Amino acid sequence: MSKRGRGGTAGNKFRMSLGLPVAATVNCADNTGAKNLYIISVKGIKGRLNRLPSACVGDMVMATVKKGKPDLRKKVMPAVIVRQRKPWRRKDGVYMYFEGSGLIWILMFDMLIVFALDGDNAGVIVNPKGEMKGSAITGPIGKECADLWPRIASAANAIV
């Protein structure tokens, strides 16, 4: 029996370094009124004894709003991770991560390339099909997320 697909996504996802375990708090990068998202579970992760399920860029998670508008709080809602601080390796050999000081570091063939953009652990609130609840995203998003979630990619102002 084959695995069930992701709702509203296109393409497959490559293996990445998982940087956001369950109970991590990430910034909300959209304009819904939420400030912080608390990760409760990761969609598609079955788990292993004593190992926390973790998410990376492009993963759908179930989250709650810890800071933000009162009508968004105390509800479980799906969200998609768009940025993470933990470095991951892309297929072309580039190590990529979003740094908290507003820089993106890319280590490629013993060269360090620095972009001055926003960077942190961040996610956006979506519906179960992958359509955004908000209408805009602050800061860049990872290419891995843009490939999987076309509705999120269309709202992003920068794809790195």
N, C-alpha and C. Protein backbone atom coordinates (compact mmCIF):
# COMPACT_ATOMS: atom_id res chain seq x y z
N MET A 1 0.84 -1.17 0.00
CA MET A 1 0.00 0.00 0.00
C MET A 1 0.89 1.24 0.00
N SER A 2 0.59 2.19 -0.86
CA SER A 2 1.42 3.37 -0.96
C SER A 2 1.02 4.41 0.08
N LYS A 3 1.97 5.34 0.33
CA LYS A 3 1.69 6.41 1.29
C LYS A 3 0.72 7.40 0.67
N ARG A 4 -0.05 8.04 1.51
CA ARG A 4 -0.99 9.04 1.03
C ARG A 4 -0.24 10.33 0.74
N GLY A 5 -0.70 11.06 -0.27
CA GLY A 5 -0.02 12.28 -0.69
C GLY A 5 -0.32 13.45 0.22
N ARG A 6 0.38 14.55 -0.02
CA ARG A 6 0.17 15.78 0.72
C ARG A 6 -0.97 16.55 0.05
N GLY A 7 -1.83 17.13 0.83
CA GLY A 7 -2.93 17.90 0.27
C GLY A 7 -2.45 19.22 -0.31
N GLY A 8 -2.68 19.45 -1.59
CA GLY A 8 -2.35 20.73 -2.21
C GLY A 8 -0.89 20.91 -2.55
N THR A 9 -0.09 19.86 -2.55
CA THR A 9 1.32 20.02 -2.86
C THR A 9 1.62 19.47 -4.23
N ALA A 10 2.75 19.88 -4.75
CA ALA A 10 3.19 19.39 -6.05
C ALA A 10 4.61 18.87 -5.90
N GLY A 11 4.90 17.68 -6.40
CA GLY A 11 6.25 17.15 -6.38
C GLY A 11 6.57 16.37 -5.12
N ASN A 12 7.83 15.92 -5.04
CA ASN A 12 8.30 15.14 -3.90
C ASN A 12 9.26 15.97 -3.07
N LYS A 13 9.46 15.54 -1.84
CA LYS A 13 10.33 16.25 -0.91
C LYS A 13 11.58 15.41 -0.64
N PHE A 14 12.75 16.04 -0.75
CA PHE A 14 13.99 15.35 -0.47
C PHE A 14 14.25 15.33 1.03
N ARG A 15 15.15 14.44 1.46
CA ARG A 15 15.52 14.33 2.87
C ARG A 15 16.29 15.57 3.28
N MET A 16 15.90 16.16 4.41
CA MET A 16 16.56 17.35 4.93
C MET A 16 16.88 17.17 6.40
N SER A 17 17.76 18.03 6.92
CA SER A 17 18.03 18.05 8.36
C SER A 17 16.81 18.61 9.08
N LEU A 18 16.32 17.86 10.05
CA LEU A 18 15.11 18.25 10.77
C LEU A 18 15.48 19.19 11.91
N GLY A 19 15.04 20.42 11.84
CA GLY A 19 15.47 21.42 12.81
C GLY A 19 14.44 21.86 13.82
N LEU A 20 13.18 21.40 13.68
CA LEU A 20 12.13 21.89 14.57
C LEU A 20 11.35 20.73 15.17
N PRO A 21 11.73 20.29 16.37
CA PRO A 21 11.01 19.18 17.01
C PRO A 21 9.67 19.64 17.57
N VAL A 22 8.88 18.66 17.99
CA VAL A 22 7.63 18.96 18.68
C VAL A 22 7.95 19.79 19.92
N ALA A 23 7.10 20.76 20.24
CA ALA A 23 7.24 21.70 21.35
C ALA A 23 8.14 22.89 21.00
N ALA A 24 8.57 23.01 19.74
CA ALA A 24 9.33 24.19 19.33
C ALA A 24 8.35 25.34 19.09
N THR A 25 8.81 26.55 19.36
CA THR A 25 8.03 27.75 19.08
C THR A 25 8.67 28.47 17.91
N VAL A 26 7.88 28.76 16.88
CA VAL A 26 8.38 29.44 15.69
C VAL A 26 7.60 30.74 15.50
N ASN A 27 8.19 31.68 14.79
CA ASN A 27 7.50 32.92 14.47
C ASN A 27 6.47 32.67 13.38
N CYS A 28 5.40 33.43 13.41
CA CYS A 28 4.39 33.35 12.35
C CYS A 28 4.74 34.41 11.31
N ALA A 29 4.97 33.98 10.07
CA ALA A 29 5.48 34.87 9.03
C ALA A 29 4.39 35.45 8.14
N ASP A 30 3.12 35.26 8.49
CA ASP A 30 2.05 35.81 7.65
C ASP A 30 1.32 36.93 8.39
N ASN A 31 0.29 37.48 7.74
CA ASN A 31 -0.42 38.63 8.31
C ASN A 31 -1.77 38.25 8.91
N THR A 32 -1.85 37.08 9.52
CA THR A 32 -3.10 36.64 10.14
C THR A 32 -3.34 37.27 11.50
N GLY A 33 -2.32 37.80 12.13
CA GLY A 33 -2.44 38.35 13.47
C GLY A 33 -1.78 37.49 14.52
N ALA A 34 -1.29 36.32 14.14
CA ALA A 34 -0.57 35.45 15.07
C ALA A 34 0.89 35.88 15.13
N LYS A 35 1.50 35.77 16.30
CA LYS A 35 2.92 36.11 16.46
C LYS A 35 3.79 34.87 16.59
N ASN A 36 3.40 33.93 17.46
CA ASN A 36 4.17 32.71 17.71
C ASN A 36 3.31 31.50 17.46
N LEU A 37 3.91 30.45 16.88
CA LEU A 37 3.24 29.17 16.68
C LEU A 37 3.99 28.11 17.49
N TYR A 38 3.24 27.28 18.21
CA TYR A 38 3.80 26.20 19.02
C TYR A 38 3.50 24.88 18.31
N ILE A 39 4.54 24.14 17.93
CA ILE A 39 4.37 22.91 17.16
C ILE A 39 3.89 21.79 18.08
N ILE A 40 2.76 21.18 17.70
CA ILE A 40 2.19 20.06 18.47
C ILE A 40 2.57 18.73 17.84
N SER A 41 2.47 18.64 16.52
CA SER A 41 2.80 17.39 15.82
C SER A 41 3.23 17.71 14.41
N VAL A 42 3.85 16.73 13.75
CA VAL A 42 4.31 16.87 12.38
C VAL A 42 3.53 15.88 11.52
N LYS A 43 2.92 16.37 10.46
CA LYS A 43 2.13 15.51 9.58
C LYS A 43 3.05 14.55 8.84
N GLY A 44 2.65 13.29 8.78
CA GLY A 44 3.39 12.29 8.02
C GLY A 44 4.53 11.63 8.77
N ILE A 45 4.76 11.99 10.04
CA ILE A 45 5.81 11.38 10.84
C ILE A 45 5.16 10.33 11.74
N LYS A 46 5.57 9.09 11.56
CA LYS A 46 4.99 8.01 12.35
C LYS A 46 5.66 7.90 13.71
N GLY A 47 6.96 8.14 13.79
CA GLY A 47 7.64 8.18 15.08
C GLY A 47 8.46 6.95 15.39
N ARG A 48 9.26 7.09 16.43
CA ARG A 48 10.15 6.05 16.92
C ARG A 48 10.26 6.26 18.42
N LEU A 49 10.41 5.17 19.18
CA LEU A 49 10.46 5.26 20.63
C LEU A 49 11.55 6.23 21.08
N ASN A 50 11.20 7.13 21.97
CA ASN A 50 12.10 8.13 22.56
C ASN A 50 12.67 9.13 21.57
N ARG A 51 12.12 9.24 20.37
CA ARG A 51 12.59 10.24 19.41
C ARG A 51 11.46 11.23 19.15
N LEU A 52 11.75 12.51 19.30
CA LEU A 52 10.73 13.53 19.07
C LEU A 52 10.49 13.69 17.57
N PRO A 53 9.25 13.71 17.13
CA PRO A 53 8.98 14.02 15.72
C PRO A 53 9.45 15.44 15.42
N SER A 54 10.14 15.62 14.30
CA SER A 54 10.69 16.92 13.95
C SER A 54 10.28 17.32 12.55
N ALA A 55 10.28 18.62 12.31
CA ALA A 55 9.88 19.18 11.02
C ALA A 55 11.04 19.95 10.42
N CYS A 56 10.95 20.20 9.11
CA CYS A 56 11.93 21.02 8.41
C CYS A 56 11.16 21.90 7.42
N VAL A 57 11.88 22.64 6.60
CA VAL A 57 11.27 23.56 5.64
C VAL A 57 10.39 22.77 4.67
N GLY A 58 9.14 23.19 4.55
CA GLY A 58 8.20 22.54 3.64
C GLY A 58 7.28 21.54 4.31
N ASP A 59 7.51 21.22 5.58
CA ASP A 59 6.66 20.26 6.29
C ASP A 59 5.40 20.93 6.82
N MET A 60 4.30 20.17 6.80
CA MET A 60 3.08 20.64 7.44
C MET A 60 3.07 20.15 8.88
N VAL A 61 2.75 21.04 9.78
CA VAL A 61 2.69 20.72 11.21
C VAL A 61 1.32 21.13 11.74
N MET A 62 0.96 20.55 12.88
CA MET A 62 -0.21 21.02 13.61
C MET A 62 0.31 21.92 14.72
N ALA A 63 -0.26 23.12 14.82
CA ALA A 63 0.27 24.12 15.74
C ALA A 63 -0.85 24.88 16.43
N THR A 64 -0.49 25.53 17.53
CA THR A 64 -1.38 26.47 18.20
C THR A 64 -0.70 27.82 18.25
N VAL A 65 -1.51 28.86 18.37
CA VAL A 65 -0.98 30.22 18.47
C VAL A 65 -0.76 30.54 19.94
N LYS A 66 0.47 30.89 20.30
CA LYS A 66 0.79 31.23 21.69
C LYS A 66 0.68 32.73 21.95
N LYS A 67 1.01 33.54 20.95
CA LYS A 67 0.85 34.99 21.06
C LYS A 67 0.14 35.47 19.81
N GLY A 68 -0.84 36.32 19.97
CA GLY A 68 -1.55 36.83 18.81
C GLY A 68 -2.98 37.19 19.15
N LYS A 69 -3.80 37.31 18.11
CA LYS A 69 -5.20 37.68 18.29
C LYS A 69 -5.93 36.63 19.13
N PRO A 70 -6.82 37.06 19.99
CA PRO A 70 -7.53 36.10 20.85
C PRO A 70 -8.38 35.08 20.09
N ASP A 71 -8.91 35.46 18.92
CA ASP A 71 -9.72 34.51 18.16
C ASP A 71 -8.89 33.41 17.51
N LEU A 72 -7.57 33.59 17.40
CA LEU A 72 -6.69 32.55 16.84
C LEU A 72 -6.14 31.63 17.92
N ARG A 73 -6.09 32.09 19.16
CA ARG A 73 -5.48 31.32 20.24
C ARG A 73 -6.37 30.16 20.69
N LYS A 74 -5.75 29.17 21.35
CA LYS A 74 -6.43 28.01 21.93
C LYS A 74 -7.16 27.17 20.89
N LYS A 75 -6.64 27.14 19.67
CA LYS A 75 -7.17 26.27 18.62
C LYS A 75 -6.00 25.55 17.96
N VAL A 76 -6.23 24.32 17.56
CA VAL A 76 -5.21 23.58 16.81
C VAL A 76 -5.45 23.81 15.33
N MET A 77 -4.42 24.23 14.61
CA MET A 77 -4.56 24.53 13.19
C MET A 77 -3.32 24.09 12.44
N PRO A 78 -3.46 23.75 11.16
CA PRO A 78 -2.28 23.36 10.37
C PRO A 78 -1.43 24.58 10.01
N ALA A 79 -0.14 24.35 9.90
CA ALA A 79 0.81 25.39 9.49
C ALA A 79 1.90 24.72 8.67
N VAL A 80 2.58 25.51 7.84
CA VAL A 80 3.69 25.02 7.02
C VAL A 80 4.94 25.78 7.42
N ILE A 81 6.04 25.06 7.62
CA ILE A 81 7.33 25.66 8.00
C ILE A 81 7.96 26.27 6.74
N VAL A 82 8.34 27.56 6.81
CA VAL A 82 8.93 28.23 5.66
C VAL A 82 10.41 28.58 5.87
N ARG A 83 10.88 28.64 7.13
CA ARG A 83 12.29 28.93 7.41
C ARG A 83 12.74 28.13 8.62
N GLN A 84 14.04 27.76 8.64
CA GLN A 84 14.63 27.14 9.82
C GLN A 84 16.08 27.56 9.94
N ARG A 85 16.57 27.59 11.18
CA ARG A 85 17.96 27.99 11.44
C ARG A 85 18.94 26.84 11.25
N LYS A 86 18.50 25.62 11.41
CA LYS A 86 19.42 24.48 11.29
C LYS A 86 19.85 24.32 9.83
N PRO A 87 21.16 24.20 9.56
CA PRO A 87 21.61 24.04 8.17
C PRO A 87 21.13 22.72 7.57
N TRP A 88 20.81 22.77 6.28
CA TRP A 88 20.47 21.55 5.55
C TRP A 88 21.22 21.58 4.23
N ARG A 89 21.45 20.40 3.68
CA ARG A 89 22.21 20.27 2.43
C ARG A 89 21.26 20.10 1.27
N ARG A 90 21.46 20.91 0.24
CA ARG A 90 20.68 20.78 -0.98
C ARG A 90 21.37 19.80 -1.92
N LYS A 91 20.65 19.37 -2.94
CA LYS A 91 21.17 18.36 -3.86
C LYS A 91 22.42 18.84 -4.60
N ASP A 92 22.56 20.15 -4.81
CA ASP A 92 23.73 20.68 -5.53
C ASP A 92 24.94 20.89 -4.62
N GLY A 93 24.87 20.45 -3.36
CA GLY A 93 26.01 20.54 -2.45
C GLY A 93 26.03 21.79 -1.60
N VAL A 94 25.05 22.65 -1.74
CA VAL A 94 25.00 23.89 -0.98
C VAL A 94 24.40 23.63 0.40
N TYR A 95 25.04 24.15 1.44
CA TYR A 95 24.47 24.10 2.79
C TYR A 95 23.78 25.44 3.04
N MET A 96 22.53 25.38 3.41
CA MET A 96 21.70 26.57 3.50
C MET A 96 21.10 26.68 4.89
N TYR A 97 21.06 27.89 5.45
CA TYR A 97 20.29 28.12 6.67
C TYR A 97 19.96 29.59 6.80
N PHE A 98 18.91 29.87 7.55
CA PHE A 98 18.46 31.23 7.81
C PHE A 98 18.97 31.63 9.18
N GLU A 99 19.75 32.70 9.25
CA GLU A 99 20.32 33.11 10.52
C GLU A 99 19.46 34.19 11.17
N GLY A 100 19.46 34.19 12.50
CA GLY A 100 18.59 35.09 13.25
C GLY A 100 18.96 36.56 13.16
N SER A 101 20.18 36.89 12.77
CA SER A 101 20.58 38.29 12.71
C SER A 101 20.15 38.95 11.41
N GLY A 102 19.37 38.28 10.61
CA GLY A 102 18.91 38.87 9.36
C GLY A 102 19.78 38.52 8.18
N LEU A 103 20.57 37.45 8.29
CA LEU A 103 21.44 37.04 7.19
C LEU A 103 21.13 35.61 6.79
N ILE A 104 21.33 35.31 5.53
CA ILE A 104 21.24 33.93 5.05
C ILE A 104 22.64 33.51 4.65
N TRP A 105 23.11 32.42 5.23
CA TRP A 105 24.44 31.92 4.94
C TRP A 105 24.33 30.73 4.00
N ILE A 106 25.12 30.73 2.95
CA ILE A 106 25.19 29.60 2.04
C ILE A 106 26.65 29.20 1.92
N LEU A 107 26.97 27.97 2.30
CA LEU A 107 28.33 27.46 2.21
C LEU A 107 28.42 26.57 0.99
N MET A 108 29.22 26.99 -0.01
CA MET A 108 29.27 26.25 -1.26
C MET A 108 30.72 26.16 -1.72
N PHE A 109 31.22 24.95 -1.84
CA PHE A 109 32.55 24.69 -2.37
C PHE A 109 33.60 25.55 -1.67
N ASP A 110 33.60 25.55 -0.34
CA ASP A 110 34.54 26.30 0.49
C ASP A 110 34.43 27.81 0.31
N MET A 111 33.33 28.29 -0.23
CA MET A 111 33.08 29.73 -0.31
C MET A 111 31.86 30.02 0.55
N LEU A 112 31.87 31.17 1.18
CA LEU A 112 30.73 31.57 2.00
C LEU A 112 30.03 32.73 1.31
N ILE A 113 28.76 32.55 0.99
CA ILE A 113 27.98 33.59 0.34
C ILE A 113 26.96 34.08 1.36
N VAL A 114 26.86 35.39 1.55
CA VAL A 114 25.97 35.96 2.56
C VAL A 114 24.95 36.87 1.88
N PHE A 115 23.68 36.66 2.19
CA PHE A 115 22.61 37.53 1.72
C PHE A 115 22.02 38.24 2.92
N ALA A 116 21.76 39.52 2.81
CA ALA A 116 21.17 40.28 3.92
C ALA A 116 19.65 40.24 3.81
N LEU A 117 19.05 39.21 4.36
CA LEU A 117 17.60 39.05 4.37
C LEU A 117 17.17 38.62 5.77
N ASP A 118 15.86 38.56 5.99
CA ASP A 118 15.33 38.15 7.28
C ASP A 118 15.56 36.67 7.49
N GLY A 119 15.80 36.25 8.74
CA GLY A 119 16.02 34.84 8.98
C GLY A 119 15.70 34.41 10.40
N ASP A 120 15.00 33.29 10.54
CA ASP A 120 14.64 32.73 11.83
C ASP A 120 13.89 31.43 11.56
N ASN A 121 13.35 30.84 12.62
CA ASN A 121 12.42 29.72 12.44
C ASN A 121 11.04 30.33 12.24
N ALA A 122 10.38 30.00 11.14
CA ALA A 122 9.09 30.63 10.87
C ALA A 122 8.16 29.68 10.13
N GLY A 123 6.87 29.93 10.31
CA GLY A 123 5.84 29.15 9.63
C GLY A 123 4.67 30.05 9.27
N VAL A 124 3.76 29.53 8.43
CA VAL A 124 2.55 30.25 8.05
C VAL A 124 1.35 29.36 8.32
N ILE A 125 0.24 29.96 8.70
CA ILE A 125 -0.99 29.22 8.98
C ILE A 125 -1.70 28.94 7.66
N VAL A 126 -2.11 27.68 7.48
CA VAL A 126 -2.79 27.26 6.25
C VAL A 126 -4.05 26.49 6.62
N ASN A 127 -4.84 26.15 5.59
CA ASN A 127 -5.95 25.22 5.80
C ASN A 127 -5.45 23.82 5.44
N PRO A 128 -6.23 22.77 5.65
CA PRO A 128 -5.73 21.42 5.36
C PRO A 128 -5.33 21.18 3.90
N LYS A 129 -5.82 21.99 2.97
CA LYS A 129 -5.44 21.84 1.56
C LYS A 129 -4.15 22.56 1.21
N GLY A 130 -3.64 23.39 2.11
CA GLY A 130 -2.40 24.10 1.85
C GLY A 130 -2.59 25.52 1.39
N GLU A 131 -3.81 26.05 1.45
CA GLU A 131 -4.06 27.44 1.08
C GLU A 131 -3.87 28.32 2.30
N MET A 132 -3.18 29.43 2.13
CA MET A 132 -2.84 30.30 3.26
C MET A 132 -4.07 30.98 3.84
N LYS A 133 -4.05 31.14 5.16
CA LYS A 133 -5.12 31.89 5.83
C LYS A 133 -4.89 33.39 5.65
N GLY A 134 -3.64 33.80 5.67
CA GLY A 134 -3.29 35.20 5.44
C GLY A 134 -3.09 35.47 3.96
N SER A 135 -2.69 36.71 3.65
CA SER A 135 -2.52 37.08 2.24
C SER A 135 -1.09 37.48 1.90
N ALA A 136 -0.21 37.62 2.89
CA ALA A 136 1.17 38.04 2.63
C ALA A 136 2.12 37.32 3.59
N ILE A 137 3.38 37.18 3.15
CA ILE A 137 4.42 36.57 3.96
C ILE A 137 5.54 37.58 4.15
N THR A 138 5.99 37.75 5.39
CA THR A 138 7.12 38.63 5.66
C THR A 138 8.41 37.82 5.60
N GLY A 139 9.40 38.34 4.88
CA GLY A 139 10.69 37.68 4.78
C GLY A 139 10.71 36.61 3.70
N PRO A 140 11.90 36.04 3.46
CA PRO A 140 12.04 35.03 2.41
C PRO A 140 11.54 33.67 2.87
N ILE A 141 11.31 32.78 1.91
CA ILE A 141 10.97 31.39 2.22
C ILE A 141 11.95 30.49 1.49
N GLY A 142 12.09 29.27 1.95
CA GLY A 142 12.99 28.31 1.32
C GLY A 142 12.43 27.79 0.01
N LYS A 143 13.33 27.47 -0.91
CA LYS A 143 12.93 26.93 -2.21
C LYS A 143 12.20 25.61 -2.06
N GLU A 144 12.58 24.82 -1.05
CA GLU A 144 11.94 23.53 -0.82
C GLU A 144 10.47 23.71 -0.49
N CYS A 145 10.15 24.73 0.27
CA CYS A 145 8.76 25.02 0.61
C CYS A 145 8.01 25.54 -0.61
N ALA A 146 8.64 26.38 -1.40
CA ALA A 146 7.99 26.94 -2.58
C ALA A 146 7.68 25.86 -3.62
N ASP A 147 8.55 24.85 -3.73
CA ASP A 147 8.31 23.77 -4.69
C ASP A 147 7.11 22.92 -4.28
N LEU A 148 6.95 22.70 -2.97
CA LEU A 148 5.88 21.83 -2.49
C LEU A 148 4.54 22.53 -2.36
N TRP A 149 4.54 23.81 -2.04
CA TRP A 149 3.32 24.54 -1.74
C TRP A 149 3.20 25.75 -2.66
N PRO A 150 2.57 25.60 -3.83
CA PRO A 150 2.50 26.71 -4.79
C PRO A 150 1.71 27.92 -4.29
N ARG A 151 0.70 27.70 -3.44
CA ARG A 151 -0.08 28.84 -2.92
C ARG A 151 0.77 29.69 -1.99
N ILE A 152 1.66 29.06 -1.25
CA ILE A 152 2.56 29.81 -0.36
C ILE A 152 3.61 30.54 -1.19
N ALA A 153 4.10 29.89 -2.24
CA ALA A 153 5.12 30.51 -3.10
C ALA A 153 4.58 31.77 -3.78
N SER A 154 3.31 31.77 -4.14
CA SER A 154 2.75 32.94 -4.82
C SER A 154 2.62 34.14 -3.87
N ALA A 155 2.52 33.89 -2.57
CA ALA A 155 2.39 34.99 -1.60
C ALA A 155 3.74 35.47 -1.08
N ALA A 156 4.82 34.74 -1.38
CA ALA A 156 6.15 35.11 -0.85
C ALA A 156 6.75 36.24 -1.66
N ASN A 157 7.50 37.11 -0.97
CA ASN A 157 8.18 38.19 -1.69
C ASN A 157 9.59 37.80 -2.10
N ALA A 158 10.17 36.76 -1.50
CA ALA A 158 11.50 36.28 -1.88
C ALA A 158 11.57 34.78 -1.64
N ILE A 159 12.11 34.05 -2.63
CA ILE A 159 12.32 32.61 -2.52
C ILE A 159 13.81 32.37 -2.64
N VAL A 160 14.39 31.76 -1.60
CA VAL A 160 15.84 31.55 -1.58
C VAL A 160 16.14 30.07 -1.65
